[in-house]
Structures are given as C-alpha cells and as structure tokens.
C-alpha cells in the first residue's frame, strides 16, 4: 500500500514537505479529497496547520481521525473544512491506497 505522500506524487497533486509533514494547501483541499475518494483510498483523518515562511503550527482541535471504514462522506468532509477558521492554511490528509 502506498502512503499519502507517494500517492500525491503519483497523482502529480500539488503539495509541499515541511518538517516531515506532507501538506496540501487549503485551496487545493477540496480537489484532493475528491481525488482520494475517487481512487477509493482508505482515509483515516487529517491534521490542520497554519503555515508561514518561518514556521508551521499544528491545530489539534481541527485534526480528527477515524477508522478508515468510518470516514465521513465527501460532502460532509468538505463542509467541515469550509467551516474551519481562516488561520488554517494547510492540511495533511492521512490516507493510503486500498490496493
């Protein structure tokens, strides 16, 4: 099974690496979630971050996890992300290939 960084690279999906974390910009998050679900990946959660040129700050209060079989449907997940405060600039989505 491939991990999320390997899959993002295979898909040529925009992301960046900071401090060992694979980050997707908030503006790219909806497309990334749709791609994850379209490829029937096992989705285990996400972590929210504020990223600046100088530092990276995790926000654990907006970083849920669940069993892969219990991931929310895409529309619910997209609504959840949309409701996050503007200080959230990036996400690390935790998923892997089901194959």
PDB file of N, CA and C in Angstrom:
ATOM      1  N   UNK A   1       0.835  -1.187   0.000  1.00  0.00           N
ATOM      2  CA  UNK A   1       0.000   0.000   0.000  1.00  0.00           C
ATOM      3  C   UNK A   1       0.876   1.245   0.000  1.00  0.00           C
ATOM      4  N   UNK A   2       0.531   2.197  -0.810  1.00  0.00           N
ATOM      5  CA  UNK A   2       1.253   3.457  -0.856  1.00  0.00           C
ATOM      6  C   UNK A   2       0.730   4.395   0.224  1.00  0.00           C
ATOM      7  N   UNK A   3       1.632   5.238   0.757  1.00  0.00           N
ATOM      8  CA  UNK A   3       1.161   6.226   1.719  1.00  0.00           C
ATOM      9  C   UNK A   3       0.787   7.515   1.001  1.00  0.00           C
ATOM     10  N   UNK A   4       0.256   8.471   1.736  1.00  0.00           N
ATOM     11  CA  UNK A   4      -0.308   9.673   1.137  1.00  0.00           C
ATOM     12  C   UNK A   4       0.710  10.494   0.356  1.00  0.00           C
ATOM     13  N   UNK A   5       1.933  10.617   0.815  1.00  0.00           N
ATOM     14  CA  UNK A   5       2.929  11.401   0.062  1.00  0.00           C
ATOM     15  C   UNK A   5       3.225  10.745  -1.285  1.00  0.00           C
ATOM     16  N   UNK A   6       3.419   9.436  -1.270  1.00  0.00           N
ATOM     17  CA  UNK A   6       3.686   8.717  -2.516  1.00  0.00           C
ATOM     18  C   UNK A   6       2.521   8.852  -3.497  1.00  0.00           C
ATOM     19  N   UNK A   7       1.312   8.762  -2.983  1.00  0.00           N
ATOM     20  CA  UNK A   7       0.142   8.882  -3.862  1.00  0.00           C
ATOM     21  C   UNK A   7       0.010  10.288  -4.427  1.00  0.00           C
ATOM     22  N   UNK A   8       0.225  11.314  -3.603  1.00  0.00           N
ATOM     23  CA  UNK A   8       0.164  12.678  -4.117  1.00  0.00           C
ATOM     24  C   UNK A   8       1.197  12.886  -5.220  1.00  0.00           C
ATOM     25  N   UNK A   9       2.373  12.298  -5.048  1.00  0.00           N
ATOM     26  CA  UNK A   9       3.405  12.399  -6.081  1.00  0.00           C
ATOM     27  C   UNK A   9       2.984  11.652  -7.346  1.00  0.00           C
ATOM     28  N   UNK A  10       2.438  10.452  -7.191  1.00  0.00           N
ATOM     29  CA  UNK A  10       1.976   9.679  -8.359  1.00  0.00           C
ATOM     30  C   UNK A  10       0.889  10.436  -9.114  1.00  0.00           C
ATOM     31  N   UNK A  11       0.020  11.103  -8.384  1.00  0.00           N
ATOM     32  CA  UNK A  11      -1.087  11.830  -8.991  1.00  0.00           C
ATOM     33  C   UNK A  11      -0.663  13.214  -9.486  1.00  0.00           C
ATOM     34  N   UNK A  12       0.590  13.595  -9.256  1.00  0.00           N
ATOM     35  CA  UNK A  12       1.070  14.944  -9.584  1.00  0.00           C
ATOM     36  C   UNK A  12       0.201  16.014  -8.935  1.00  0.00           C
ATOM     37  N   UNK A  13      -0.211  15.745  -7.699  1.00  0.00           N
ATOM     38  CA  UNK A  13      -1.062  16.683  -6.981  1.00  0.00           C
ATOM     39  C   UNK A  13      -0.182  17.669  -6.213  1.00  0.00           C
ATOM     40  N   UNK A  14      -0.514  18.966  -6.252  1.00  0.00           N
ATOM     41  CA  UNK A  14       0.327  19.960  -5.572  1.00  0.00           C
ATOM     42  C   UNK A  14       0.369  19.744  -4.060  1.00  0.00           C
ATOM     43  N   UNK A  15       1.573  19.696  -3.525  1.00  0.00           N
ATOM     44  CA  UNK A  15       1.787  19.541  -2.092  1.00  0.00           C
ATOM     45  C   UNK A  15       3.187  20.031  -1.760  1.00  0.00           C
ATOM     46  N   UNK A  16       3.467  20.161  -0.480  1.00  0.00           N
ATOM     47  CA  UNK A  16       4.799  20.544  -0.052  1.00  0.00           C
ATOM     48  C   UNK A  16       5.176  19.757   1.184  1.00  0.00           C
ATOM     49  N   UNK A  17       6.456  19.652   1.414  1.00  0.00           N
ATOM     50  CA  UNK A  17       7.008  18.971   2.590  1.00  0.00           C
ATOM     51  C   UNK A  17       7.596  20.023   3.518  1.00  0.00           C
ATOM     52  N   UNK A  18       7.186  20.004   4.767  1.00  0.00           N
ATOM     53  CA  UNK A  18       7.752  20.890   5.778  1.00  0.00           C
ATOM     54  C   UNK A  18       7.903  20.101   7.057  1.00  0.00           C
ATOM     55  N   UNK A  19       9.109  19.992   7.540  1.00  0.00           N
ATOM     56  CA  UNK A  19       9.341  19.322   8.812  1.00  0.00           C
ATOM     57  C   UNK A  19       8.808  17.904   8.862  1.00  0.00           C
ATOM     58  N   UNK A  20       8.905  17.173   7.767  1.00  0.00           N
ATOM     59  CA  UNK A  20       8.421  15.799   7.738  1.00  0.00           C
ATOM     60  C   UNK A  20       6.927  15.661   7.554  1.00  0.00           C
ATOM     61  N   UNK A  21       6.245  16.755   7.291  1.00  0.00           N
ATOM     62  CA  UNK A  21       4.794  16.751   7.114  1.00  0.00           C
ATOM     63  C   UNK A  21       4.487  17.016   5.640  1.00  0.00           C
ATOM     64  N   UNK A  22       3.554  16.249   5.085  1.00  0.00           N
ATOM     65  CA  UNK A  22       3.131  16.409   3.698  1.00  0.00           C
ATOM     66  C   UNK A  22       1.874  17.267   3.686  1.00  0.00           C
ATOM     67  N   UNK A  23       1.977  18.467   3.159  1.00  0.00           N
ATOM     68  CA  UNK A  23       0.906  19.451   3.272  1.00  0.00           C
ATOM     69  C   UNK A  23       0.237  19.760   1.944  1.00  0.00           C
ATOM     70  N   UNK A  24      -1.083  19.894   2.006  1.00  0.00           N
ATOM     71  CA  UNK A  24      -1.891  20.321   0.872  1.00  0.00           C
ATOM     72  C   UNK A  24      -2.485  21.673   1.250  1.00  0.00           C
ATOM     73  N   UNK A  25      -2.349  22.662   0.380  1.00  0.00           N
ATOM     74  CA  UNK A  25      -2.908  23.985   0.640  1.00  0.00           C
ATOM     75  C   UNK A  25      -4.422  23.900   0.799  1.00  0.00           C
ATOM     76  N   UNK A  26      -4.944  24.735   1.660  1.00  0.00           N
ATOM     77  CA  UNK A  26      -6.385  24.748   1.893  1.00  0.00           C
ATOM     78  C   UNK A  26      -7.163  24.931   0.588  1.00  0.00           C
ATOM     79  N   UNK A  27      -6.669  25.765  -0.300  1.00  0.00           N
ATOM     80  CA  UNK A  27      -7.367  25.998  -1.570  1.00  0.00           C
ATOM     81  C   UNK A  27      -7.405  24.747  -2.448  1.00  0.00           C
ATOM     82  N   UNK A  28      -6.459  23.827  -2.252  1.00  0.00           N
ATOM     83  CA  UNK A  28      -6.416  22.582  -3.017  1.00  0.00           C
ATOM     84  C   UNK A  28      -7.110  21.418  -2.302  1.00  0.00           C
ATOM     85  N   UNK A  29      -7.525  21.642  -1.065  1.00  0.00           N
ATOM     86  CA  UNK A  29      -8.095  20.561  -0.258  1.00  0.00           C
ATOM     87  C   UNK A  29      -9.334  19.907  -0.882  1.00  0.00           C
ATOM     88  N   UNK A  30     -10.299  20.669  -1.385  1.00  0.00           N
ATOM     89  CA  UNK A  30     -11.470  20.005  -1.977  1.00  0.00           C
ATOM     90  C   UNK A  30     -11.101  19.066  -3.124  1.00  0.00           C
ATOM     91  N   UNK A  31     -10.232  19.508  -4.013  1.00  0.00           N
ATOM     92  CA  UNK A  31      -9.822  18.649  -5.130  1.00  0.00           C
ATOM     93  C   UNK A  31      -9.078  17.421  -4.624  1.00  0.00           C
ATOM     94  N   UNK A  32      -8.279  17.580  -3.586  1.00  0.00           N
ATOM     95  CA  UNK A  32      -7.538  16.447  -3.028  1.00  0.00           C
ATOM     96  C   UNK A  32      -8.498  15.425  -2.410  1.00  0.00           C
ATOM     97  N   UNK A  33      -9.464  15.899  -1.666  1.00  0.00           N
ATOM     98  CA  UNK A  33     -10.440  14.992  -1.056  1.00  0.00           C
ATOM     99  C   UNK A  33     -11.216  14.236  -2.134  1.00  0.00           C
ATOM    100  N   UNK A  34     -11.625  14.931  -3.156  1.00  0.00           N
ATOM    101  CA  UNK A  34     -12.349  14.267  -4.248  1.00  0.00           C
ATOM    102  C   UNK A  34     -11.480  13.204  -4.916  1.00  0.00           C
ATOM    103  N   UNK A  35     -10.201  13.489  -5.071  1.00  0.00           N
ATOM    104  CA  UNK A  35      -9.275  12.527  -5.669  1.00  0.00           C
ATOM    105  C   UNK A  35      -9.073  11.311  -4.767  1.00  0.00           C
ATOM    106  N   UNK A  36      -8.956  11.550  -3.472  1.00  0.00           N
ATOM    107  CA  UNK A  36      -8.799  10.454  -2.504  1.00  0.00           C
ATOM    108  C   UNK A  36      -9.998   9.511  -2.584  1.00  0.00           C
ATOM    109  N   UNK A  37     -11.199  10.087  -2.566  1.00  0.00           N
ATOM    110  CA  UNK A  37     -12.404   9.259  -2.625  1.00  0.00           C
ATOM    111  C   UNK A  37     -12.573   8.592  -3.991  1.00  0.00           C
ATOM    112  N   UNK A  38     -12.249   9.309  -5.055  1.00  0.00           N
ATOM    113  CA  UNK A  38     -12.386   8.744  -6.398  1.00  0.00           C
ATOM    114  C   UNK A  38     -11.479   7.537  -6.593  1.00  0.00           C
ATOM    115  N   UNK A  39     -10.337   7.536  -5.903  1.00  0.00           N
ATOM    116  CA  UNK A  39      -9.398   6.417  -6.004  1.00  0.00           C
ATOM    117  C   UNK A  39      -9.634   5.359  -4.923  1.00  0.00           C
ATOM    118  N   UNK A  40     -10.749   5.487  -4.212  1.00  0.00           N
ATOM    119  CA  UNK A  40     -11.170   4.520  -3.189  1.00  0.00           C
ATOM    120  C   UNK A  40     -10.070   4.239  -2.171  1.00  0.00           C
ATOM    121  N   UNK A  41      -9.379   5.287  -1.776  1.00  0.00           N
ATOM    122  CA  UNK A  41      -8.328   5.147  -0.760  1.00  0.00           C
ATOM    123  C   UNK A  41      -8.953   4.968   0.618  1.00  0.00           C
ATOM    124  N   UNK A  42      -8.187   4.395   1.512  1.00  0.00           N
ATOM    125  CA  UNK A  42      -8.590   4.278   2.908  1.00  0.00           C
ATOM    126  C   UNK A  42      -8.200   5.578   3.587  1.00  0.00           C
ATOM    127  N   UNK A  43      -9.174   6.331   4.046  1.00  0.00           N
ATOM    128  CA  UNK A  43      -8.981   7.681   4.569  1.00  0.00           C
ATOM    129  C   UNK A  43      -9.101   7.619   6.091  1.00  0.00           C
ATOM    130  N   UNK A  44      -8.036   7.972   6.803  1.00  0.00           N
ATOM    131  CA  UNK A  44      -8.001   7.815   8.263  1.00  0.00           C
ATOM    132  C   UNK A  44      -8.083   9.130   9.032  1.00  0.00           C
ATOM    133  N   UNK A  45      -8.073  10.271   8.336  1.00  0.00           N
ATOM    134  CA  UNK A  45      -8.182  11.544   9.037  1.00  0.00           C
ATOM    135  C   UNK A  45      -7.327  12.623   8.407  1.00  0.00           C
ATOM    136  N   UNK A  46      -7.211  13.724   9.136  1.00  0.00           N
ATOM    137  CA  UNK A  46      -6.368  14.817   8.661  1.00  0.00           C
ATOM    138  C   UNK A  46      -5.907  15.655   9.838  1.00  0.00           C
ATOM    139  N   UNK A  47      -4.835  16.378   9.610  1.00  0.00           N
ATOM    140  CA  UNK A  47      -4.321  17.340  10.571  1.00  0.00           C
ATOM    141  C   UNK A  47      -4.360  18.711   9.922  1.00  0.00           C
ATOM    142  N   UNK A  48      -4.708  19.721  10.710  1.00  0.00           N
ATOM    143  CA  UNK A  48      -4.811  21.091  10.234  1.00  0.00           C
ATOM    144  C   UNK A  48      -3.600  21.892  10.692  1.00  0.00           C
ATOM    145  N   UNK A  49      -3.142  22.807   9.833  1.00  0.00           N
ATOM    146  CA  UNK A  49      -1.944  23.591  10.131  1.00  0.00           C
ATOM    147  C   UNK A  49      -2.096  25.031   9.653  1.00  0.00           C
ATOM    148  N   UNK A  50      -1.358  25.895  10.316  1.00  0.00           N
ATOM    149  CA  UNK A  50      -1.069  27.221   9.800  1.00  0.00           C
ATOM    150  C   UNK A  50       0.386  27.174   9.378  1.00  0.00           C
ATOM    151  N   UNK A  51       0.642  27.546   8.131  1.00  0.00           N
ATOM    152  CA  UNK A  51       2.000  27.508   7.589  1.00  0.00           C
ATOM    153  C   UNK A  51       2.380  28.917   7.151  1.00  0.00           C
ATOM    154  N   UNK A  52       3.529  29.368   7.603  1.00  0.00           N
ATOM    155  CA  UNK A  52       4.106  30.630   7.162  1.00  0.00           C
ATOM    156  C   UNK A  52       5.507  30.326   6.637  1.00  0.00           C
ATOM    157  N   UNK A  53       6.171  31.282   6.031  1.00  0.00           N
ATOM    158  CA  UNK A  53       7.550  31.017   5.582  1.00  0.00           C
ATOM    159  C   UNK A  53       8.496  30.663   6.735  1.00  0.00           C
ATOM    160  N   UNK A  54       8.191  31.128   7.928  1.00  0.00           N
ATOM    161  CA  UNK A  54       9.074  30.915   9.073  1.00  0.00           C
ATOM    162  C   UNK A  54       8.750  29.679   9.914  1.00  0.00           C
ATOM    163  N   UNK A  55       7.475  29.299   9.987  1.00  0.00           N
ATOM    164  CA  UNK A  55       7.085  28.225  10.893  1.00  0.00           C
ATOM    165  C   UNK A  55       5.836  27.488  10.423  1.00  0.00           C
ATOM    166  N   UNK A  56       5.604  26.373  11.121  1.00  0.00           N
ATOM    167  CA  UNK A  56       4.422  25.550  10.871  1.00  0.00           C
ATOM    168  C   UNK A  56       3.785  25.271  12.237  1.00  0.00           C
ATOM    169  N   UNK A  57       2.481  25.523  12.344  1.00  0.00           N
ATOM    170  CA  UNK A  57       1.767  25.367  13.610  1.00  0.00           C
ATOM    171  C   UNK A  57       0.604  24.388  13.438  1.00  0.00           C
ATOM    172  N   UNK A  58       0.646  23.250  14.139  1.00  0.00           N
ATOM    173  CA  UNK A  58      -0.494  22.329  14.060  1.00  0.00           C
ATOM    174  C   UNK A  58      -1.664  22.845  14.894  1.00  0.00           C
ATOM    175  N   UNK A  59      -2.860  22.441  14.520  1.00  0.00           N
ATOM    176  CA  UNK A  59      -4.076  22.788  15.255  1.00  0.00           C
ATOM    177  C   UNK A  59      -4.819  21.492  15.549  1.00  0.00           C
ATOM    178  N   UNK A  60      -4.548  20.936  16.698  1.00  0.00           N
ATOM    179  CA  UNK A  60      -5.109  19.627  17.048  1.00  0.00           C
ATOM    180  C   UNK A  60      -6.629  19.659  17.215  1.00  0.00           C
ATOM    181  N   UNK A  61      -7.199  20.822  17.539  1.00  0.00           N
ATOM    182  CA  UNK A  61      -8.651  20.890  17.708  1.00  0.00           C
ATOM    183  C   UNK A  61      -9.397  20.727  16.381  1.00  0.00           C
ATOM    184  N   UNK A  62      -8.667  20.857  15.268  1.00  0.00           N
ATOM    185  CA  UNK A  62      -9.257  20.647  13.940  1.00  0.00           C
ATOM    186  C   UNK A  62      -8.488  19.545  13.210  1.00  0.00           C
ATOM    187  N   UNK A  63      -8.258  18.446  13.918  1.00  0.00           N
ATOM    188  CA  UNK A  63      -7.470  17.338  13.363  1.00  0.00           C
ATOM    189  C   UNK A  63      -8.091  16.001  13.759  1.00  0.00           C
ATOM    190  N   UNK A  64      -9.213  15.650  13.158  1.00  0.00           N
ATOM    191  CA  UNK A  64      -9.886  14.407  13.523  1.00  0.00           C
ATOM    192  C   UNK A  64      -9.247  13.172  12.880  1.00  0.00           C
ATOM    193  N   UNK A  65      -9.505  12.051  13.504  1.00  0.00           N
ATOM    194  CA  UNK A  65      -9.120  10.763  12.919  1.00  0.00           C
ATOM    195  C   UNK A  65     -10.265   9.793  13.152  1.00  0.00           C
ATOM    196  N   UNK A  66     -10.302   8.777  12.327  1.00  0.00           N
ATOM    197  CA  UNK A  66     -11.350   7.771  12.430  1.00  0.00           C
ATOM    198  C   UNK A  66     -10.835   6.488  11.796  1.00  0.00           C
ATOM    199  N   UNK A  67     -11.532   5.416  12.054  1.00  0.00           N
ATOM    200  CA  UNK A  67     -11.202   4.169  11.371  1.00  0.00           C
ATOM    201  C   UNK A  67     -11.505   4.369   9.896  1.00  0.00           C
ATOM    202  N   UNK A  68     -10.676   3.792   9.046  1.00  0.00           N
ATOM    203  CA  UNK A  68     -10.829   4.013   7.600  1.00  0.00           C
ATOM    204  C   UNK A  68     -12.242   3.727   7.104  1.00  0.00           C
ATOM    205  N   UNK A  69     -12.876   2.744   7.674  1.00  0.00           N
ATOM    206  CA  UNK A  69     -14.222   2.393   7.227  1.00  0.00           C
ATOM    207  C   UNK A  69     -15.274   3.374   7.744  1.00  0.00           C
ATOM    208  N   UNK A  70     -14.881   4.294   8.623  1.00  0.00           N
ATOM    209  CA  UNK A  70     -15.827   5.234   9.219  1.00  0.00           C
ATOM    210  C   UNK A  70     -15.619   6.666   8.739  1.00  0.00           C
ATOM    211  N   UNK A  71     -14.842   6.863   7.709  1.00  0.00           N
ATOM    212  CA  UNK A  71     -14.605   8.209   7.184  1.00  0.00           C
ATOM    213  C   UNK A  71     -15.925   8.822   6.738  1.00  0.00           C
ATOM    214  N   UNK A  72     -16.092  10.131   6.958  1.00  0.00           N
ATOM    215  CA  UNK A  72     -17.344  10.768   6.523  1.00  0.00           C
ATOM    216  C   UNK A  72     -17.457  10.791   5.007  1.00  0.00           C
ATOM    217  N   UNK A  73     -18.670  10.998   4.539  1.00  0.00           N
ATOM    218  CA  UNK A  73     -18.861  11.114   3.094  1.00  0.00           C
ATOM    219  C   UNK A  73     -18.206  12.420   2.633  1.00  0.00           C
ATOM    220  N   UNK A  74     -17.792  12.492   1.368  1.00  0.00           N
ATOM    221  CA  UNK A  74     -17.058  13.674   0.899  1.00  0.00           C
ATOM    222  C   UNK A  74     -17.770  15.006   1.150  1.00  0.00           C
ATOM    223  N   UNK A  75     -19.067  15.079   0.904  1.00  0.00           N
ATOM    224  CA  UNK A  75     -19.780  16.348   1.096  1.00  0.00           C
ATOM    225  C   UNK A  75     -19.715  16.821   2.542  1.00  0.00           C
ATOM    226  N   UNK A  76     -19.843  15.896   3.492  1.00  0.00           N
ATOM    227  CA  UNK A  76     -19.754  16.264   4.910  1.00  0.00           C
ATOM    228  C   UNK A  76     -18.351  16.738   5.256  1.00  0.00           C
ATOM    229  N   UNK A  77     -17.363  16.052   4.729  1.00  0.00           N
ATOM    230  CA  UNK A  77     -15.979  16.425   4.987  1.00  0.00           C
ATOM    231  C   UNK A  77     -15.663  17.802   4.394  1.00  0.00           C
ATOM    232  N   UNK A  78     -16.126  18.056   3.192  1.00  0.00           N
ATOM    233  CA  UNK A  78     -15.898  19.359   2.557  1.00  0.00           C
ATOM    234  C   UNK A  78     -16.580  20.487   3.332  1.00  0.00           C
ATOM    235  N   UNK A  79     -17.765  20.228   3.852  1.00  0.00           N
ATOM    236  CA  UNK A  79     -18.468  21.227   4.669  1.00  0.00           C
ATOM    237  C   UNK A  79     -17.701  21.496   5.961  1.00  0.00           C
ATOM    238  N   UNK A  80     -17.154  20.451   6.537  1.00  0.00           N
ATOM    239  CA  UNK A  80     -16.369  20.587   7.762  1.00  0.00           C
ATOM    240  C   UNK A  80     -15.140  21.477   7.522  1.00  0.00           C
ATOM    241  N   UNK A  81     -14.425  21.219   6.445  1.00  0.00           N
ATOM    242  CA  UNK A  81     -13.224  22.014   6.147  1.00  0.00           C
ATOM    243  C   UNK A  81     -13.589  23.469   5.870  1.00  0.00           C
ATOM    244  N   UNK A  82     -14.680  23.669   5.178  1.00  0.00           N
ATOM    245  CA  UNK A  82     -15.113  25.025   4.846  1.00  0.00           C
ATOM    246  C   UNK A  82     -15.412  25.840   6.109  1.00  0.00           C
ATOM    247  N   UNK A  83     -15.850  25.167   7.160  1.00  0.00           N
ATOM    248  CA  UNK A  83     -16.205  25.831   8.410  1.00  0.00           C
ATOM    249  C   UNK A  83     -14.993  26.149   9.294  1.00  0.00           C
ATOM    250  N   UNK A  84     -13.828  25.680   8.931  1.00  0.00           N
ATOM    251  CA  UNK A  84     -12.629  25.948   9.735  1.00  0.00           C
ATOM    252  C   UNK A  84     -12.281  27.432   9.697  1.00  0.00           C
ATOM    253  N   UNK A  85     -11.634  27.912  10.753  1.00  0.00           N
ATOM    254  CA  UNK A  85     -11.231  29.319  10.761  1.00  0.00           C
ATOM    255  C   UNK A  85     -10.189  29.611   9.680  1.00  0.00           C
ATOM    256  N   UNK A  86     -10.104  30.862   9.296  1.00  0.00           N
ATOM    257  CA  UNK A  86      -9.206  31.255   8.206  1.00  0.00           C
ATOM    258  C   UNK A  86      -7.735  31.044   8.540  1.00  0.00           C
ATOM    259  N   UNK A  87      -7.398  30.897   9.811  1.00  0.00           N
ATOM    260  CA  UNK A  87      -5.997  30.663  10.178  1.00  0.00           C
ATOM    261  C   UNK A  87      -5.478  29.311   9.686  1.00  0.00           C
ATOM    262  N   UNK A  88      -6.381  28.392   9.358  1.00  0.00           N
ATOM    263  CA  UNK A  88      -5.976  27.105   8.798  1.00  0.00           C
ATOM    264  C   UNK A  88      -5.590  27.342   7.341  1.00  0.00           C
ATOM    265  N   UNK A  89      -4.327  27.069   7.017  1.00  0.00           N
ATOM    266  CA  UNK A  89      -3.850  27.304   5.648  1.00  0.00           C
ATOM    267  C   UNK A  89      -3.532  26.018   4.899  1.00  0.00           C
ATOM    268  N   UNK A  90      -3.304  24.927   5.634  1.00  0.00           N
ATOM    269  CA  UNK A  90      -2.895  23.666   5.013  1.00  0.00           C
ATOM    270  C   UNK A  90      -3.435  22.481   5.806  1.00  0.00           C
ATOM    271  N   UNK A  91      -3.468  21.344   5.119  1.00  0.00           N
ATOM    272  CA  UNK A  91      -3.886  20.086   5.741  1.00  0.00           C
ATOM    273  C   UNK A  91      -2.899  18.990   5.380  1.00  0.00           C
ATOM    274  N   UNK A  92      -2.774  18.051   6.305  1.00  0.00           N
ATOM    275  CA  UNK A  92      -2.102  16.784   5.968  1.00  0.00           C
ATOM    276  C   UNK A  92      -3.192  15.725   6.022  1.00  0.00           C
ATOM    277  N   UNK A  93      -3.540  15.190   4.873  1.00  0.00           N
ATOM    278  CA  UNK A  93      -4.537  14.153   4.790  1.00  0.00           C
ATOM    279  C   UNK A  93      -3.860  12.806   4.984  1.00  0.00           C
ATOM    280  N   UNK A  94      -4.429  11.974   5.840  1.00  0.00           N
ATOM    281  CA  UNK A  94      -3.850  10.675   6.159  1.00  0.00           C
ATOM    282  C   UNK A  94      -4.686   9.608   5.458  1.00  0.00           C
ATOM    283  N   UNK A  95      -4.092   9.023   4.432  1.00  0.00           N
ATOM    284  CA  UNK A  95      -4.805   8.021   3.637  1.00  0.00           C
ATOM    285  C   UNK A  95      -3.790   7.079   2.982  1.00  0.00           C
ATOM    286  N   UNK A  96      -4.302   5.978   2.480  1.00  0.00           N
ATOM    287  CA  UNK A  96      -3.442   5.037   1.760  1.00  0.00           C
ATOM    288  C   UNK A  96      -4.267   4.310   0.718  1.00  0.00           C
ATOM    289  N   UNK A  97      -3.556   3.774  -0.224  1.00  0.00           N
ATOM    290  CA  UNK A  97      -4.200   3.015  -1.291  1.00  0.00           C
ATOM    291  C   UNK A  97      -4.846   1.768  -0.720  1.00  0.00           C
ATOM    292  N   UNK A  98      -6.006   1.446  -1.202  1.00  0.00           N
ATOM    293  CA  UNK A  98      -6.694   0.224  -0.746  1.00  0.00           C
ATOM    294  C   UNK A  98      -6.114  -1.006  -1.440  1.00  0.00           C
ATOM    295  N   UNK A  99      -5.375  -0.804  -2.511  1.00  0.00           N
ATOM    296  CA  UNK A  99      -4.808  -1.917  -3.270  1.00  0.00           C
ATOM    297  C   UNK A  99      -3.538  -2.451  -2.647  1.00  0.00           C
TER     298      UNK A  99
END
